[in-house]
């Protein structure tokens, strides 16, 4: 194609470029280079050259607004459902049977990251084979547009992270019932030889009927290492057990119990157990800093809840509950003594 001398950059071009940067298709340096080259040959031609991609892929990115919407053969786009650190999730409708499903798409910037791809594919296999009621069910994993996609059930509802982001917290007994439901899933996973390794409010969902679902197994597996640096540490630093933050080998379900304790703390108190300016500082605090007992005692939570949190989040994993079943037994006994056991979702 001949060069376009003095090609103009439209507001739509500028917005598209900003979306490409925001969604990780290129960094700011490449964006600046694209703008300089676009003045001569047009933005799309500049991007095709810089990203070394096919024109049809650039047209796809244009049509989908940098994959904010999604075009996949055999599916009708419905709406974006959310995003995590490595993937985007979309609500879609299959054209064959009109069933609504969720497509989890590995962000293209991770498509050449062997570790991210391995985790993603293993998650797809795991949610296909695990027969646990409260874990979202997977259907298939496939490759599309240079990246990877998991088709799974679409669970309408909201995550507990969304609840917290809205400034809400849960009453103590309601939070404990959710912890029971989560721990019961963890026990079934433990019996299947699987640890989760990334429990947090963003991975816990309440569907439209108020029932609990575990929606993300992106780091789940059997006996994997913690990985000891902030670029590759498995899990989310604000909820990591100390041994996981240190990158120790031989993680077991007690690391998940710690993360569940941090989640319980957040759900009831509306703040994280530890505050930090960056992930590195957060990892240091998870390893070295004890819970602020005065903060717990000064709140409105019961002595029993205080006990559960401190035991679940003990720095020494031998002090924590040995299994999720032990945790369930203790909380159920506490709720029964109050006459407040009820349903765990």
Protein backbone atom coordinates (compact mmCIF):
# COMPACT_ATOMS: atom_id res chain seq x y z
CA UNK A 1 0.00 0.00 0.00
CA UNK A 2 1.48 3.40 -0.90
CA UNK A 3 2.42 5.77 1.90
CA UNK A 4 -0.19 8.30 2.92
CA UNK A 5 1.74 11.52 3.20
CA UNK A 6 0.39 13.74 5.94
CA UNK A 7 -2.28 11.25 7.06
CA UNK A 8 -4.51 12.79 9.71
CA UNK A 9 -5.08 11.29 13.16
CA UNK A 10 -8.75 11.41 14.04
CA UNK A 11 -10.26 11.52 17.55
CA UNK A 12 -11.44 7.94 16.91
CA UNK A 13 -7.83 6.93 16.16
CA UNK A 14 -6.63 8.53 19.40
CA UNK A 15 -9.33 6.76 21.39
CA UNK A 16 -8.54 3.41 19.77
CA UNK A 17 -4.84 3.85 20.53
CA UNK A 18 -5.64 4.68 24.15
CA UNK A 19 -7.74 1.52 24.42
CA UNK A 20 -4.92 -0.58 22.96
CA UNK A 21 -2.56 0.76 25.63
CA UNK A 22 -5.10 0.34 28.44
CA UNK A 23 -5.79 -3.28 27.43
CA UNK A 24 -2.13 -4.19 27.11
CA UNK A 25 -1.74 -4.60 23.35
CA UNK A 26 1.10 -2.10 23.32
CA UNK A 27 3.00 0.08 25.80
CA UNK A 28 3.22 3.86 25.82
CA UNK A 29 6.54 3.92 23.97
CA UNK A 30 5.06 1.89 21.11
CA UNK A 31 1.97 4.11 21.16
CA UNK A 32 4.15 7.20 20.71
CA UNK A 33 6.01 5.49 17.89
CA UNK A 34 2.69 4.56 16.28
CA UNK A 35 1.52 8.16 16.43
CA UNK A 36 4.72 9.41 14.80
CA UNK A 37 4.50 6.86 12.00
CA UNK A 38 0.75 7.38 11.62
CA UNK A 39 1.31 10.96 10.54
CA UNK A 40 2.87 9.53 7.38
CA UNK A 41 1.13 6.21 6.69
CA UNK A 42 -2.00 6.16 8.83
CA UNK A 43 -2.53 4.60 12.27
CA UNK A 44 -3.58 1.11 11.22
CA UNK A 45 -0.60 0.69 8.90
CA UNK A 46 1.72 1.96 11.64
CA UNK A 47 0.27 -0.46 14.16
CA UNK A 48 0.44 -3.40 11.75
CA UNK A 49 4.15 -2.71 11.24
CA UNK A 50 4.95 -2.19 14.92
CA UNK A 51 2.95 -5.17 16.19
CA UNK A 52 3.94 -7.37 13.22
CA UNK A 53 0.36 -8.53 12.78
CA UNK A 54 -1.94 -9.20 9.84
CA UNK A 55 -4.26 -6.46 8.55
CA UNK A 56 -7.26 -8.67 9.31
CA UNK A 57 -6.18 -8.85 12.98
CA UNK A 58 -5.96 -5.06 13.15
CA UNK A 59 -9.43 -4.84 11.60
CA UNK A 60 -10.64 -7.29 14.27
CA UNK A 61 -9.19 -5.07 17.02
CA UNK A 62 -10.89 -2.05 15.45
CA UNK A 63 -14.29 -3.76 15.26
CA UNK A 64 -14.09 -5.05 18.83
CA UNK A 65 -12.62 -1.87 20.32
CA UNK A 66 -9.43 -3.65 21.42
CA UNK A 67 -11.49 -6.72 22.41
CA UNK A 68 -13.76 -4.80 24.73
CA UNK A 69 -16.48 -6.61 22.82
CA UNK A 70 -15.76 -10.05 21.39
CA UNK A 71 -16.24 -11.78 18.06
CA UNK A 72 -15.83 -15.57 18.13
CA UNK A 73 -17.26 -17.84 15.41
CA UNK A 74 -20.24 -19.77 16.73
CA UNK A 75 -21.06 -17.26 19.47
CA UNK A 76 -23.10 -14.07 19.78
CA UNK A 77 -21.60 -11.41 22.05
CA UNK A 78 -23.85 -10.35 24.95
CA UNK A 79 -21.73 -8.24 27.32
CA UNK A 80 -18.39 -8.05 29.16
CA UNK A 81 -18.56 -9.80 32.54
CA UNK A 82 -15.28 -8.78 34.14
CA UNK A 83 -11.52 -9.03 34.08
CA UNK A 84 -8.70 -10.32 36.23
CA UNK A 85 -4.95 -10.01 36.18
CA UNK A 86 -4.49 -12.25 33.12
CA UNK A 87 -7.91 -12.79 31.53
CA UNK A 88 -11.10 -11.13 30.35
CA UNK A 89 -14.53 -12.75 30.74
CA UNK A 90 -17.44 -12.22 28.37
CA UNK A 91 -21.08 -13.25 28.40
CA UNK A 92 -21.87 -14.97 25.10
CA UNK A 93 -24.66 -17.01 23.50
CA UNK A 94 -23.89 -20.15 21.52
CA UNK A 95 -25.46 -19.99 18.06
CA UNK A 96 -26.05 -23.75 17.93
CA UNK A 97 -28.36 -24.14 20.93
CA UNK A 98 -28.72 -20.51 22.15
CA UNK A 99 -27.26 -21.45 25.55
CA UNK A 100 -25.69 -18.52 27.40
CA UNK A 101 -22.11 -19.24 28.42
CA UNK A 102 -19.08 -17.33 29.66
CA UNK A 103 -15.89 -17.17 27.61
CA UNK A 104 -12.73 -16.57 29.61
CA UNK A 105 -10.03 -15.20 27.30
CA UNK A 106 -6.34 -15.11 28.17
CA UNK A 107 -5.23 -11.56 27.52
CA UNK A 108 -3.19 -11.55 24.28
CA UNK A 109 -0.15 -10.01 25.99
CA UNK A 110 0.19 -13.30 27.93
CA UNK A 111 -0.27 -15.59 24.92
CA UNK A 112 3.53 -16.04 24.58
CA UNK A 113 4.07 -16.47 28.33
CA UNK A 114 4.57 -20.23 28.74
CA UNK A 115 3.72 -20.15 32.45
CA UNK A 116 0.52 -18.13 31.97
CA UNK A 117 -0.58 -20.34 29.07
CA UNK A 118 0.12 -23.52 31.06
CA UNK A 119 -1.90 -22.25 34.04
CA UNK A 120 -4.76 -21.17 31.78
CA UNK A 121 -5.00 -24.48 29.93
CA UNK A 122 -4.74 -26.43 33.18
CA UNK A 123 -7.57 -24.37 34.65
CA UNK A 124 -9.73 -25.26 31.65
CA UNK A 125 -9.00 -28.96 32.12
CA UNK A 126 -9.56 -28.75 35.86
CA UNK A 127 -13.00 -27.15 35.76
CA UNK A 128 -14.02 -29.72 33.16
CA UNK A 129 -13.07 -32.70 35.28
CA UNK A 130 -13.91 -31.54 38.82
CA UNK A 131 -17.41 -32.62 39.84
CA UNK A 132 -17.97 -30.16 42.68
CA UNK A 133 -21.33 -28.42 42.81
CA UNK A 134 -20.14 -24.96 43.85
CA UNK A 135 -17.31 -24.69 41.31
CA UNK A 136 -18.20 -23.14 37.96
CA UNK A 137 -18.28 -25.86 35.30
CA UNK A 138 -16.06 -25.74 32.23
CA UNK A 139 -16.99 -27.12 28.81
CA UNK A 140 -14.00 -26.78 26.49
CA UNK A 141 -10.74 -24.92 25.90
CA UNK A 142 -9.69 -23.70 22.46
CA UNK A 143 -7.38 -21.27 20.68
CA UNK A 144 -8.69 -18.17 18.95
CA UNK A 145 -7.11 -15.00 17.50
CA UNK A 146 -3.67 -16.01 18.75
CA UNK A 147 -4.74 -16.56 22.35
CA UNK A 148 -6.65 -19.10 24.47
CA UNK A 149 -10.31 -19.34 25.49
CA UNK A 150 -12.20 -21.37 28.11
CA UNK A 151 -15.92 -21.86 27.65
CA UNK A 152 -17.70 -22.26 30.98
CA UNK A 153 -21.07 -21.78 32.62
CA UNK A 154 -22.30 -18.22 32.87
CA UNK A 155 -23.26 -17.59 36.49
CA UNK A 156 -25.31 -14.37 36.75
CA UNK A 157 -24.66 -12.61 40.02
CA UNK A 158 -21.97 -10.53 41.71
CA UNK A 159 -18.61 -11.24 43.27
CA UNK A 160 -17.85 -10.43 46.88
CA UNK A 161 -15.19 -8.02 45.63
CA UNK A 162 -17.92 -6.03 43.89
CA UNK A 163 -19.83 -5.90 47.17
CA UNK A 164 -16.74 -4.59 48.97
CA UNK A 165 -16.03 -2.09 46.20
CA UNK A 166 -19.51 -0.69 46.82
CA UNK A 167 -18.51 0.01 50.44
CA UNK A 168 -20.59 -2.83 51.87
CA UNK A 169 -19.65 -5.47 54.40
CA UNK A 170 -21.36 -8.66 55.53
CA UNK A 171 -22.96 -9.31 58.92
CA UNK A 172 -20.84 -11.68 60.95
CA UNK A 173 -23.07 -14.76 60.71
CA UNK A 174 -23.70 -14.27 56.99
CA UNK A 175 -19.95 -14.04 56.39
CA UNK A 176 -19.36 -17.18 58.44
CA UNK A 177 -21.92 -19.11 56.41
CA UNK A 178 -20.07 -18.12 53.24
CA UNK A 179 -16.81 -19.25 54.81
CA UNK A 180 -18.43 -22.62 55.58
CA UNK A 181 -19.57 -22.96 51.96
CA UNK A 182 -16.10 -22.06 50.66
CA UNK A 183 -14.36 -24.38 53.12
CA UNK A 184 -16.62 -27.23 52.07
CA UNK A 185 -15.51 -26.71 48.47
CA UNK A 186 -11.87 -26.57 49.60
CA UNK A 187 -12.33 -29.87 51.44
CA UNK A 188 -13.69 -31.52 48.29
CA UNK A 189 -10.78 -30.07 46.32
CA UNK A 190 -8.34 -31.34 48.96
CA UNK A 191 -9.82 -34.82 48.67
CA UNK A 192 -9.31 -34.56 44.90
CA UNK A 193 -5.66 -33.60 45.47
CA UNK A 194 -6.07 -29.95 44.42
CA UNK A 195 -5.22 -26.69 46.20
CA UNK A 196 -6.68 -23.39 45.08
CA UNK A 197 -3.85 -20.90 45.90
CA UNK A 198 -5.75 -17.72 44.98
CA UNK A 199 -8.76 -17.43 47.28
CA UNK A 200 -10.06 -13.87 47.49
CA UNK A 201 -13.39 -12.02 47.32
CA UNK A 202 -13.04 -11.54 43.57
CA UNK A 203 -13.13 -15.31 43.03
CA UNK A 204 -16.21 -15.86 45.20
CA UNK A 205 -19.60 -15.15 43.68
CA UNK A 206 -23.19 -15.04 44.85
CA UNK A 207 -25.55 -15.96 42.04
CA UNK A 208 -28.91 -14.28 41.55
CA UNK A 209 -30.50 -16.72 44.00
CA UNK A 210 -27.91 -15.92 46.67
CA UNK A 211 -26.05 -19.21 46.28
CA UNK A 212 -22.26 -19.30 46.56
CA UNK A 213 -20.01 -20.23 43.60
CA UNK A 214 -16.23 -20.43 43.22
CA UNK A 215 -15.59 -18.96 39.78
CA UNK A 216 -11.82 -18.95 39.21
CA UNK A 217 -9.27 -21.77 39.53
CA UNK A 218 -6.51 -20.00 37.62
CA UNK A 219 -3.72 -21.02 40.02
CA UNK A 220 -5.23 -24.27 41.31
CA UNK A 221 -3.25 -27.48 41.13
CA UNK A 222 -1.49 -30.16 43.10
CA UNK A 223 1.53 -29.36 45.29
CA UNK A 224 2.96 -26.54 43.21
CA UNK A 225 5.54 -24.06 44.41
CA UNK A 226 4.64 -20.62 45.69
CA UNK A 227 7.17 -18.87 43.38
CA UNK A 228 9.10 -16.31 45.38
CA UNK A 229 9.11 -13.05 43.42
CA UNK A 230 6.44 -10.44 42.90
CA UNK A 231 6.41 -10.97 39.14
CA UNK A 232 5.54 -14.66 39.40
CA UNK A 233 4.25 -15.34 42.92
CA UNK A 234 1.13 -17.46 42.64
CA UNK A 235 -1.93 -15.75 44.05
CA UNK A 236 -2.88 -12.23 45.10
CA UNK A 237 -0.45 -10.63 47.60
CA UNK A 238 -3.13 -9.12 49.87
CA UNK A 239 -4.46 -12.61 50.69
CA UNK A 240 -1.33 -14.79 50.51
CA UNK A 241 -0.16 -17.08 53.30
CA UNK A 242 3.39 -16.32 54.51
CA UNK A 243 4.80 -19.57 53.12
CA UNK A 244 3.23 -18.76 49.76
CA UNK A 245 4.59 -15.21 49.85
CA UNK A 246 8.06 -16.67 50.47
CA UNK A 247 7.67 -18.94 47.43
CA UNK A 248 8.08 -22.12 49.43
CA UNK A 249 7.59 -25.56 47.94
CA UNK A 250 5.13 -28.03 49.40
CA UNK A 251 2.14 -25.72 49.78
CA UNK A 252 -0.92 -27.44 51.17
CA UNK A 253 -4.51 -26.57 52.00
CA UNK A 254 -3.42 -24.54 55.03
CA UNK A 255 -2.27 -21.80 52.62
CA UNK A 256 -5.84 -21.68 51.29
CA UNK A 257 -7.15 -21.52 54.86
CA UNK A 258 -4.97 -18.46 55.49
CA UNK A 259 -6.33 -16.77 52.34
CA UNK A 260 -9.85 -17.63 53.44
CA UNK A 261 -9.13 -16.01 56.81
CA UNK A 262 -7.93 -12.83 55.08
CA UNK A 263 -11.10 -12.90 52.98
CA UNK A 264 -13.25 -13.27 56.11
CA UNK A 265 -11.45 -10.32 57.71
CA UNK A 266 -12.10 -8.19 54.61
CA UNK A 267 -15.76 -9.20 54.31
CA UNK A 268 -16.60 -8.32 57.91
CA UNK A 269 -14.34 -5.33 58.59
CA UNK A 270 -14.38 -3.80 55.11
CA UNK A 271 -10.59 -3.45 54.93
CA UNK A 272 -7.60 -5.66 54.26
CA UNK A 273 -5.66 -7.22 57.15
CA UNK A 274 -2.54 -5.41 55.90
CA UNK A 275 -2.26 -2.21 53.88
CA UNK A 276 0.72 -1.57 51.59
CA UNK A 277 1.80 0.78 48.84
CA UNK A 278 2.86 -2.00 46.45
CA UNK A 279 2.96 -5.78 46.09
CA UNK A 280 6.53 -6.06 47.39
CA UNK A 281 5.64 -4.31 50.63
CA UNK A 282 2.47 -6.41 50.93
CA UNK A 283 4.48 -9.62 50.59
CA UNK A 284 6.87 -8.45 53.32
CA UNK A 285 3.94 -7.74 55.65
CA UNK A 286 2.37 -11.13 54.97
CA UNK A 287 5.64 -12.77 55.93
CA UNK A 288 6.71 -10.61 58.89
CA UNK A 289 3.79 -8.70 60.37
CA UNK A 290 1.25 -10.16 62.79
CA UNK A 291 -2.40 -9.20 62.81
CA UNK A 292 -3.25 -6.11 64.80
CA UNK A 293 -5.14 -7.66 67.71
CA UNK A 294 -6.22 -4.27 69.01
CA UNK A 295 -7.91 -3.55 65.68
CA UNK A 296 -9.89 -6.76 65.96
CA UNK A 297 -10.76 -6.21 69.61
CA UNK A 298 -11.77 -2.63 68.96
CA UNK A 299 -14.29 -3.64 66.31
CA UNK A 300 -17.81 -4.95 66.73
CA UNK A 301 -16.92 -8.56 65.90
CA UNK A 302 -17.48 -11.31 68.44
CA UNK A 303 -14.67 -13.00 70.38
CA UNK A 304 -15.45 -16.19 68.42
CA UNK A 305 -14.95 -14.48 65.07
CA UNK A 306 -11.75 -12.92 66.41
CA UNK A 307 -10.58 -16.43 67.31
CA UNK A 308 -11.46 -17.87 63.88
CA UNK A 309 -9.59 -15.12 62.02
CA UNK A 310 -6.48 -15.33 64.18
CA UNK A 311 -6.36 -19.14 63.93
CA UNK A 312 -6.94 -19.13 60.16
CA UNK A 313 -4.30 -16.42 59.65
CA UNK A 314 -1.63 -17.72 62.02
CA UNK A 315 1.85 -17.12 60.58
CA UNK A 316 2.84 -20.65 61.64
CA UNK A 317 0.76 -22.95 59.47
CA UNK A 318 0.89 -25.66 62.13
CA UNK A 319 -1.27 -23.39 64.30
CA UNK A 320 -3.95 -23.03 61.61
CA UNK A 321 -6.77 -25.47 61.04
CA UNK A 322 -5.28 -28.63 59.57
CA UNK A 323 -8.12 -29.11 57.10
CA UNK A 324 -11.12 -27.13 55.85
CA UNK A 325 -13.34 -29.79 57.44
CA UNK A 326 -11.94 -28.86 60.88
CA UNK A 327 -12.75 -25.20 60.20
CA UNK A 328 -16.30 -26.06 59.10
CA UNK A 329 -16.86 -28.09 62.24
CA UNK A 330 -15.78 -25.22 64.51
CA UNK A 331 -17.85 -22.56 62.75
CA UNK A 332 -20.94 -24.76 62.55
CA UNK A 333 -20.69 -25.46 66.28
CA UNK A 334 -20.43 -21.73 66.97
CA UNK A 335 -23.45 -20.89 64.78
CA UNK A 336 -25.50 -23.75 66.18
CA UNK A 337 -24.85 -22.53 69.71
CA UNK A 338 -26.29 -19.18 68.62
CA UNK A 339 -29.23 -20.81 66.87
CA UNK A 340 -27.99 -19.21 63.67
CA UNK A 341 -26.61 -22.06 61.57
CA UNK A 342 -29.11 -21.79 58.73
CA UNK A 343 -28.08 -22.51 55.16
CA UNK A 344 -24.52 -22.07 53.94
CA UNK A 345 -25.64 -21.20 50.40
